[in-house]
């Protein structure tokens, strides 16, 4: 049976894999999947935080970043909450081809870079809260 620490390490290790995948997708100009992987990475960090701050080691099987964190004492400023809420759009968009096709037009290199930069700040912020 895994300890709480091992559960947290599981989520953070997988978050890092998804982060690397997002970087690769950005380099290869697969911007929609890059944004999907950024969401996945932050989702897994959020789930690690959920495990840290809850009695059980099994976070809810949801993908909404805001909802996951609302079950923790994590405090963020309004701008950070808005970013997470907006990033949720890409967890759905990346999973279903009919939705994904609709956003290819808006997911330009510049658009994706802007979100990537904000996601990097959020990743640092959330990871610090795991310490």
N, C-alpha and C. Protein backbone atom coordinates (compact mmCIF):
# COMPACT_ATOMS: atom_id res chain seq x y z
N UNK A 1 0.84 -1.18 0.00
CA UNK A 1 0.00 0.00 0.00
C UNK A 1 0.89 1.25 0.00
N UNK A 2 0.55 2.20 -0.84
CA UNK A 2 1.34 3.41 -0.96
C UNK A 2 1.03 4.38 0.18
N UNK A 3 2.06 5.10 0.59
CA UNK A 3 1.88 6.13 1.62
C UNK A 3 1.35 7.40 0.96
N UNK A 4 0.94 8.35 1.76
CA UNK A 4 0.48 9.65 1.25
C UNK A 4 1.60 10.29 0.44
N UNK A 5 2.81 10.24 0.95
CA UNK A 5 3.96 10.82 0.25
C UNK A 5 4.15 10.16 -1.12
N UNK A 6 4.01 8.85 -1.19
CA UNK A 6 4.15 8.14 -2.46
C UNK A 6 3.04 8.52 -3.45
N UNK A 7 1.84 8.72 -2.93
CA UNK A 7 0.73 9.15 -3.80
C UNK A 7 1.04 10.53 -4.39
N UNK A 8 1.54 11.42 -3.56
CA UNK A 8 1.88 12.77 -4.02
C UNK A 8 3.00 12.69 -5.06
N UNK A 9 4.00 11.86 -4.80
CA UNK A 9 5.09 11.68 -5.76
C UNK A 9 4.58 11.10 -7.08
N UNK A 10 3.63 10.19 -7.00
CA UNK A 10 3.03 9.62 -8.20
C UNK A 10 2.42 10.72 -9.08
N UNK A 11 1.61 11.58 -8.45
CA UNK A 11 0.96 12.65 -9.21
C UNK A 11 1.98 13.65 -9.75
N UNK A 12 2.96 14.01 -8.96
CA UNK A 12 3.93 15.01 -9.43
C UNK A 12 4.84 14.45 -10.52
N UNK A 13 5.21 13.19 -10.42
CA UNK A 13 6.04 12.57 -11.45
C UNK A 13 5.27 12.54 -12.78
N UNK A 14 4.00 12.18 -12.73
CA UNK A 14 3.20 12.15 -13.95
C UNK A 14 2.91 13.55 -14.48
N UNK A 15 2.80 14.52 -13.58
CA UNK A 15 2.63 15.91 -14.01
C UNK A 15 3.86 16.37 -14.80
N UNK A 16 5.03 15.98 -14.34
CA UNK A 16 6.26 16.37 -15.03
C UNK A 16 6.34 15.71 -16.41
N UNK A 17 5.91 14.48 -16.52
CA UNK A 17 5.88 13.82 -17.84
C UNK A 17 4.97 14.56 -18.81
N UNK A 18 3.80 14.97 -18.32
CA UNK A 18 2.87 15.70 -19.18
C UNK A 18 3.43 17.08 -19.54
N UNK A 19 4.17 17.69 -18.61
CA UNK A 19 4.80 18.98 -18.89
C UNK A 19 5.82 18.83 -20.03
N UNK A 20 6.62 17.79 -19.96
CA UNK A 20 7.61 17.55 -21.01
C UNK A 20 6.92 17.27 -22.34
N UNK A 21 5.81 16.56 -22.29
CA UNK A 21 5.02 16.28 -23.49
C UNK A 21 4.49 17.59 -24.09
N UNK A 22 4.05 18.50 -23.23
CA UNK A 22 3.56 19.80 -23.69
C UNK A 22 4.68 20.58 -24.38
N UNK A 23 5.87 20.55 -23.81
CA UNK A 23 7.01 21.24 -24.42
C UNK A 23 7.31 20.66 -25.80
N UNK A 24 7.27 19.35 -25.89
CA UNK A 24 7.51 18.69 -27.17
C UNK A 24 6.44 19.09 -28.20
N UNK A 25 5.21 19.09 -27.77
CA UNK A 25 4.12 19.46 -28.69
C UNK A 25 4.26 20.90 -29.15
N UNK A 26 4.70 21.78 -28.27
CA UNK A 26 4.90 23.17 -28.69
C UNK A 26 6.00 23.25 -29.75
N UNK A 27 7.09 22.55 -29.50
CA UNK A 27 8.21 22.56 -30.46
C UNK A 27 7.80 22.01 -31.82
N UNK A 28 6.90 21.02 -31.82
CA UNK A 28 6.48 20.41 -33.09
C UNK A 28 5.22 21.08 -33.66
N UNK A 29 4.82 22.18 -33.05
CA UNK A 29 3.69 23.00 -33.52
C UNK A 29 2.34 22.31 -33.40
N UNK A 30 2.23 21.37 -32.49
CA UNK A 30 0.96 20.72 -32.20
C UNK A 30 0.33 21.48 -31.03
N UNK A 31 -0.17 22.68 -31.31
CA UNK A 31 -0.57 23.60 -30.27
C UNK A 31 -1.79 23.17 -29.48
N UNK A 32 -2.76 22.55 -30.12
CA UNK A 32 -3.95 22.10 -29.40
C UNK A 32 -3.57 21.02 -28.39
N UNK A 33 -2.77 20.07 -28.82
CA UNK A 33 -2.39 19.01 -27.88
C UNK A 33 -1.42 19.54 -26.83
N UNK A 34 -0.64 20.54 -27.16
CA UNK A 34 0.22 21.19 -26.18
C UNK A 34 -0.63 21.75 -25.04
N UNK A 35 -1.69 22.45 -25.38
CA UNK A 35 -2.57 23.04 -24.36
C UNK A 35 -3.27 21.96 -23.55
N UNK A 36 -3.65 20.88 -24.19
CA UNK A 36 -4.24 19.74 -23.49
C UNK A 36 -3.24 19.18 -22.47
N UNK A 37 -2.00 19.02 -22.87
CA UNK A 37 -0.97 18.48 -21.97
C UNK A 37 -0.64 19.44 -20.84
N UNK A 38 -0.69 20.75 -21.11
CA UNK A 38 -0.50 21.72 -20.02
C UNK A 38 -1.59 21.55 -18.98
N UNK A 39 -2.82 21.39 -19.45
CA UNK A 39 -3.92 21.16 -18.52
C UNK A 39 -3.69 19.88 -17.73
N UNK A 40 -3.31 18.80 -18.42
CA UNK A 40 -3.07 17.53 -17.74
C UNK A 40 -2.01 17.67 -16.65
N UNK A 41 -0.96 18.37 -16.98
CA UNK A 41 0.13 18.55 -16.01
C UNK A 41 -0.35 19.30 -14.77
N UNK A 42 -1.03 20.42 -14.98
CA UNK A 42 -1.53 21.18 -13.83
C UNK A 42 -2.61 20.42 -13.08
N UNK A 43 -3.40 19.65 -13.79
CA UNK A 43 -4.41 18.82 -13.13
C UNK A 43 -3.75 17.85 -12.15
N UNK A 44 -2.66 17.25 -12.56
CA UNK A 44 -1.99 16.27 -11.70
C UNK A 44 -1.32 16.94 -10.50
N UNK A 45 -0.82 18.15 -10.68
CA UNK A 45 -0.29 18.89 -9.53
C UNK A 45 -1.43 19.23 -8.57
N UNK A 46 -2.56 19.64 -9.12
CA UNK A 46 -3.73 19.92 -8.28
C UNK A 46 -4.16 18.67 -7.52
N UNK A 47 -4.11 17.53 -8.16
CA UNK A 47 -4.49 16.29 -7.49
C UNK A 47 -3.47 15.93 -6.40
N UNK A 48 -2.20 16.23 -6.62
CA UNK A 48 -1.20 16.01 -5.56
C UNK A 48 -1.52 16.90 -4.37
N UNK A 49 -1.91 18.14 -4.64
CA UNK A 49 -2.29 19.05 -3.55
C UNK A 49 -3.54 18.55 -2.85
N UNK A 50 -4.47 18.02 -3.61
CA UNK A 50 -5.68 17.46 -3.02
C UNK A 50 -5.31 16.33 -2.05
N UNK A 51 -4.44 15.43 -2.49
CA UNK A 51 -4.01 14.32 -1.64
C UNK A 51 -3.33 14.85 -0.38
N UNK A 52 -2.49 15.85 -0.54
CA UNK A 52 -1.77 16.42 0.61
C UNK A 52 -2.74 16.95 1.67
N UNK A 53 -3.85 17.53 1.24
CA UNK A 53 -4.74 18.23 2.17
C UNK A 53 -6.02 17.49 2.50
N UNK A 54 -6.12 16.24 2.09
CA UNK A 54 -7.32 15.46 2.40
C UNK A 54 -6.91 14.14 3.05
N UNK A 55 -7.84 13.57 3.76
CA UNK A 55 -7.55 12.35 4.50
C UNK A 55 -7.25 11.17 3.58
N UNK A 56 -8.03 11.02 2.54
CA UNK A 56 -7.83 9.91 1.62
C UNK A 56 -6.74 10.25 0.61
N UNK A 57 -6.17 9.25 -0.01
CA UNK A 57 -5.10 9.44 -0.99
C UNK A 57 -5.61 9.38 -2.43
N UNK A 58 -6.92 9.34 -2.60
CA UNK A 58 -7.49 9.20 -3.93
C UNK A 58 -8.33 10.42 -4.28
N UNK A 59 -7.79 11.31 -5.11
CA UNK A 59 -8.53 12.53 -5.46
C UNK A 59 -9.75 12.20 -6.32
N UNK A 60 -10.67 13.14 -6.41
CA UNK A 60 -11.86 12.88 -7.23
C UNK A 60 -11.48 12.69 -8.69
N UNK A 61 -12.25 11.89 -9.37
CA UNK A 61 -11.99 11.60 -10.78
C UNK A 61 -12.68 12.66 -11.64
N UNK A 62 -12.19 13.87 -11.49
CA UNK A 62 -12.68 15.00 -12.26
C UNK A 62 -11.48 15.70 -12.88
N UNK A 63 -11.74 16.57 -13.85
CA UNK A 63 -10.65 17.24 -14.55
C UNK A 63 -10.66 18.75 -14.34
N UNK A 64 -11.67 19.26 -13.68
CA UNK A 64 -11.82 20.69 -13.46
C UNK A 64 -10.83 21.17 -12.40
N UNK A 65 -9.87 21.98 -12.82
CA UNK A 65 -8.79 22.41 -11.93
C UNK A 65 -9.33 23.19 -10.73
N UNK A 66 -10.25 24.08 -10.98
CA UNK A 66 -10.81 24.88 -9.89
C UNK A 66 -11.51 23.99 -8.87
N UNK A 67 -12.32 23.06 -9.34
CA UNK A 67 -13.06 22.19 -8.42
C UNK A 67 -12.12 21.32 -7.59
N UNK A 68 -11.06 20.83 -8.19
CA UNK A 68 -10.11 20.01 -7.44
C UNK A 68 -9.50 20.84 -6.31
N UNK A 69 -9.07 22.05 -6.63
CA UNK A 69 -8.41 22.88 -5.62
C UNK A 69 -9.38 23.43 -4.58
N UNK A 70 -10.64 23.55 -4.91
CA UNK A 70 -11.61 24.07 -3.94
C UNK A 70 -11.77 23.12 -2.76
N UNK A 71 -11.34 21.88 -2.91
CA UNK A 71 -11.37 20.91 -1.81
C UNK A 71 -10.08 20.92 -1.00
N UNK A 72 -9.31 21.98 -1.17
CA UNK A 72 -8.06 22.15 -0.43
C UNK A 72 -8.06 23.55 0.19
N UNK A 73 -7.15 23.81 1.11
CA UNK A 73 -7.05 25.17 1.66
C UNK A 73 -6.20 26.11 0.80
N UNK A 74 -5.85 25.70 -0.40
CA UNK A 74 -5.01 26.50 -1.28
C UNK A 74 -5.70 27.82 -1.60
N UNK A 75 -4.96 28.90 -1.43
CA UNK A 75 -5.48 30.22 -1.77
C UNK A 75 -4.73 30.77 -2.97
N UNK A 76 -5.49 31.28 -3.91
CA UNK A 76 -4.93 31.91 -5.10
C UNK A 76 -5.60 33.26 -5.29
N UNK A 77 -4.93 34.13 -6.02
CA UNK A 77 -5.57 35.41 -6.31
C UNK A 77 -6.60 35.22 -7.42
N UNK A 78 -7.42 36.21 -7.62
CA UNK A 78 -8.52 36.11 -8.59
C UNK A 78 -8.01 35.84 -10.00
N UNK A 79 -6.91 36.45 -10.36
CA UNK A 79 -6.33 36.24 -11.69
C UNK A 79 -5.91 34.79 -11.91
N UNK A 80 -5.31 34.18 -10.89
CA UNK A 80 -4.89 32.78 -10.99
C UNK A 80 -6.09 31.85 -11.09
N UNK A 81 -7.14 32.13 -10.32
CA UNK A 81 -8.36 31.32 -10.42
C UNK A 81 -8.94 31.41 -11.82
N UNK A 82 -8.96 32.61 -12.39
CA UNK A 82 -9.50 32.79 -13.74
C UNK A 82 -8.67 32.02 -14.76
N UNK A 83 -7.34 32.05 -14.58
CA UNK A 83 -6.49 31.30 -15.51
C UNK A 83 -6.83 29.81 -15.47
N UNK A 84 -6.94 29.25 -14.26
CA UNK A 84 -7.26 27.83 -14.15
C UNK A 84 -8.62 27.50 -14.75
N UNK A 85 -9.59 28.36 -14.51
CA UNK A 85 -10.93 28.14 -15.07
C UNK A 85 -10.86 28.15 -16.59
N UNK A 86 -10.13 29.11 -17.15
CA UNK A 86 -10.00 29.19 -18.60
C UNK A 86 -9.21 28.01 -19.18
N UNK A 87 -8.21 27.55 -18.46
CA UNK A 87 -7.42 26.42 -18.93
C UNK A 87 -8.26 25.14 -19.00
N UNK A 88 -9.30 25.07 -18.19
CA UNK A 88 -10.20 23.91 -18.22
C UNK A 88 -10.75 23.66 -19.62
N UNK A 89 -10.88 24.70 -20.40
CA UNK A 89 -11.41 24.55 -21.76
C UNK A 89 -10.59 23.54 -22.56
N UNK A 90 -9.31 23.45 -22.29
CA UNK A 90 -8.45 22.60 -23.10
C UNK A 90 -8.43 21.14 -22.66
N UNK A 91 -8.94 20.84 -21.49
CA UNK A 91 -9.05 19.42 -21.13
C UNK A 91 -10.14 18.77 -21.95
N UNK A 92 -11.17 19.49 -22.27
CA UNK A 92 -12.23 18.94 -23.11
C UNK A 92 -11.84 19.02 -24.58
N UNK A 93 -11.33 20.17 -24.97
CA UNK A 93 -10.99 20.38 -26.36
C UNK A 93 -9.96 19.36 -26.85
N UNK A 94 -9.04 18.98 -26.00
CA UNK A 94 -8.01 18.05 -26.42
C UNK A 94 -8.48 16.61 -26.51
N UNK A 95 -9.56 16.29 -25.83
CA UNK A 95 -10.02 14.90 -25.78
C UNK A 95 -10.92 14.50 -26.95
N UNK A 96 -11.66 15.45 -27.49
CA UNK A 96 -12.67 15.11 -28.47
C UNK A 96 -12.39 15.80 -29.80
N UNK A 97 -12.15 15.01 -30.84
CA UNK A 97 -11.75 15.59 -32.14
C UNK A 97 -12.72 16.63 -32.69
N UNK A 98 -14.03 16.46 -32.52
CA UNK A 98 -14.96 17.43 -33.08
C UNK A 98 -14.82 18.79 -32.41
N UNK A 99 -14.53 18.81 -31.10
CA UNK A 99 -14.26 20.08 -30.42
C UNK A 99 -12.88 20.60 -30.77
N UNK A 100 -11.93 19.71 -30.82
CA UNK A 100 -10.55 20.09 -31.10
C UNK A 100 -10.44 20.81 -32.44
N UNK A 101 -11.16 20.32 -33.43
CA UNK A 101 -11.11 20.92 -34.76
C UNK A 101 -11.56 22.38 -34.73
N UNK A 102 -12.49 22.72 -33.86
CA UNK A 102 -13.01 24.09 -33.77
C UNK A 102 -11.96 25.06 -33.23
N UNK A 103 -11.05 24.58 -32.41
CA UNK A 103 -10.11 25.53 -31.80
C UNK A 103 -8.77 25.60 -32.50
N UNK A 104 -8.56 24.78 -33.51
CA UNK A 104 -7.29 24.85 -34.24
C UNK A 104 -7.03 26.26 -34.76
N UNK A 105 -8.08 26.96 -35.14
CA UNK A 105 -7.91 28.30 -35.70
C UNK A 105 -7.42 29.31 -34.66
N UNK A 106 -7.81 29.15 -33.41
CA UNK A 106 -7.37 30.13 -32.40
C UNK A 106 -6.06 29.73 -31.73
N UNK A 107 -5.68 28.49 -31.82
CA UNK A 107 -4.46 28.01 -31.15
C UNK A 107 -3.23 28.25 -32.01
N UNK A 108 -2.92 29.51 -32.16
CA UNK A 108 -1.73 29.89 -32.92
C UNK A 108 -0.50 29.75 -32.03
N UNK A 109 0.64 29.92 -32.62
CA UNK A 109 1.88 29.86 -31.86
C UNK A 109 1.88 30.92 -30.75
N UNK A 110 1.50 32.14 -31.08
CA UNK A 110 1.52 33.22 -30.08
C UNK A 110 0.51 32.97 -28.97
N UNK A 111 -0.69 32.54 -29.34
CA UNK A 111 -1.72 32.23 -28.35
C UNK A 111 -1.23 31.14 -27.39
N UNK A 112 -0.67 30.09 -27.95
CA UNK A 112 -0.20 28.97 -27.15
C UNK A 112 0.98 29.38 -26.27
N UNK A 113 1.87 30.19 -26.80
CA UNK A 113 3.03 30.66 -26.02
C UNK A 113 2.58 31.47 -24.82
N UNK A 114 1.59 32.31 -25.01
CA UNK A 114 1.07 33.12 -23.91
C UNK A 114 0.51 32.23 -22.79
N UNK A 115 -0.27 31.24 -23.18
CA UNK A 115 -0.84 30.32 -22.18
C UNK A 115 0.26 29.48 -21.54
N UNK A 116 1.23 29.05 -22.34
CA UNK A 116 2.34 28.25 -21.82
C UNK A 116 3.09 29.04 -20.74
N UNK A 117 3.35 30.32 -21.02
CA UNK A 117 4.06 31.16 -20.05
C UNK A 117 3.27 31.30 -18.75
N UNK A 118 1.96 31.50 -18.86
CA UNK A 118 1.13 31.60 -17.66
C UNK A 118 1.06 30.27 -16.92
N UNK A 119 0.99 29.18 -17.67
CA UNK A 119 0.96 27.85 -17.06
C UNK A 119 2.25 27.57 -16.30
N UNK A 120 3.37 28.05 -16.84
CA UNK A 120 4.65 27.86 -16.16
C UNK A 120 4.65 28.56 -14.80
N UNK A 121 4.13 29.77 -14.76
CA UNK A 121 4.02 30.50 -13.48
C UNK A 121 3.11 29.75 -12.51
N UNK A 122 2.01 29.24 -13.04
CA UNK A 122 1.06 28.51 -12.19
C UNK A 122 1.67 27.21 -11.69
N UNK A 123 2.43 26.54 -12.54
CA UNK A 123 3.10 25.29 -12.15
C UNK A 123 4.05 25.56 -10.99
N UNK A 124 4.81 26.63 -11.08
CA UNK A 124 5.76 26.98 -10.01
C UNK A 124 4.99 27.30 -8.73
N UNK A 125 3.94 28.09 -8.85
CA UNK A 125 3.13 28.48 -7.69
C UNK A 125 2.54 27.25 -6.99
N UNK A 126 1.92 26.36 -7.77
CA UNK A 126 1.28 25.18 -7.17
C UNK A 126 2.31 24.20 -6.61
N UNK A 127 3.42 24.05 -7.30
CA UNK A 127 4.45 23.14 -6.82
C UNK A 127 5.03 23.63 -5.50
N UNK A 128 5.20 24.92 -5.38
CA UNK A 128 5.69 25.48 -4.09
C UNK A 128 4.74 25.16 -2.96
N UNK A 129 3.45 25.10 -3.24
CA UNK A 129 2.45 24.80 -2.20
C UNK A 129 2.49 23.33 -1.78
N UNK A 130 3.20 22.51 -2.53
CA UNK A 130 3.36 21.10 -2.15
C UNK A 130 4.46 20.92 -1.10
N UNK A 131 5.32 21.90 -0.97
CA UNK A 131 6.46 21.80 -0.05
C UNK A 131 6.01 21.86 1.40
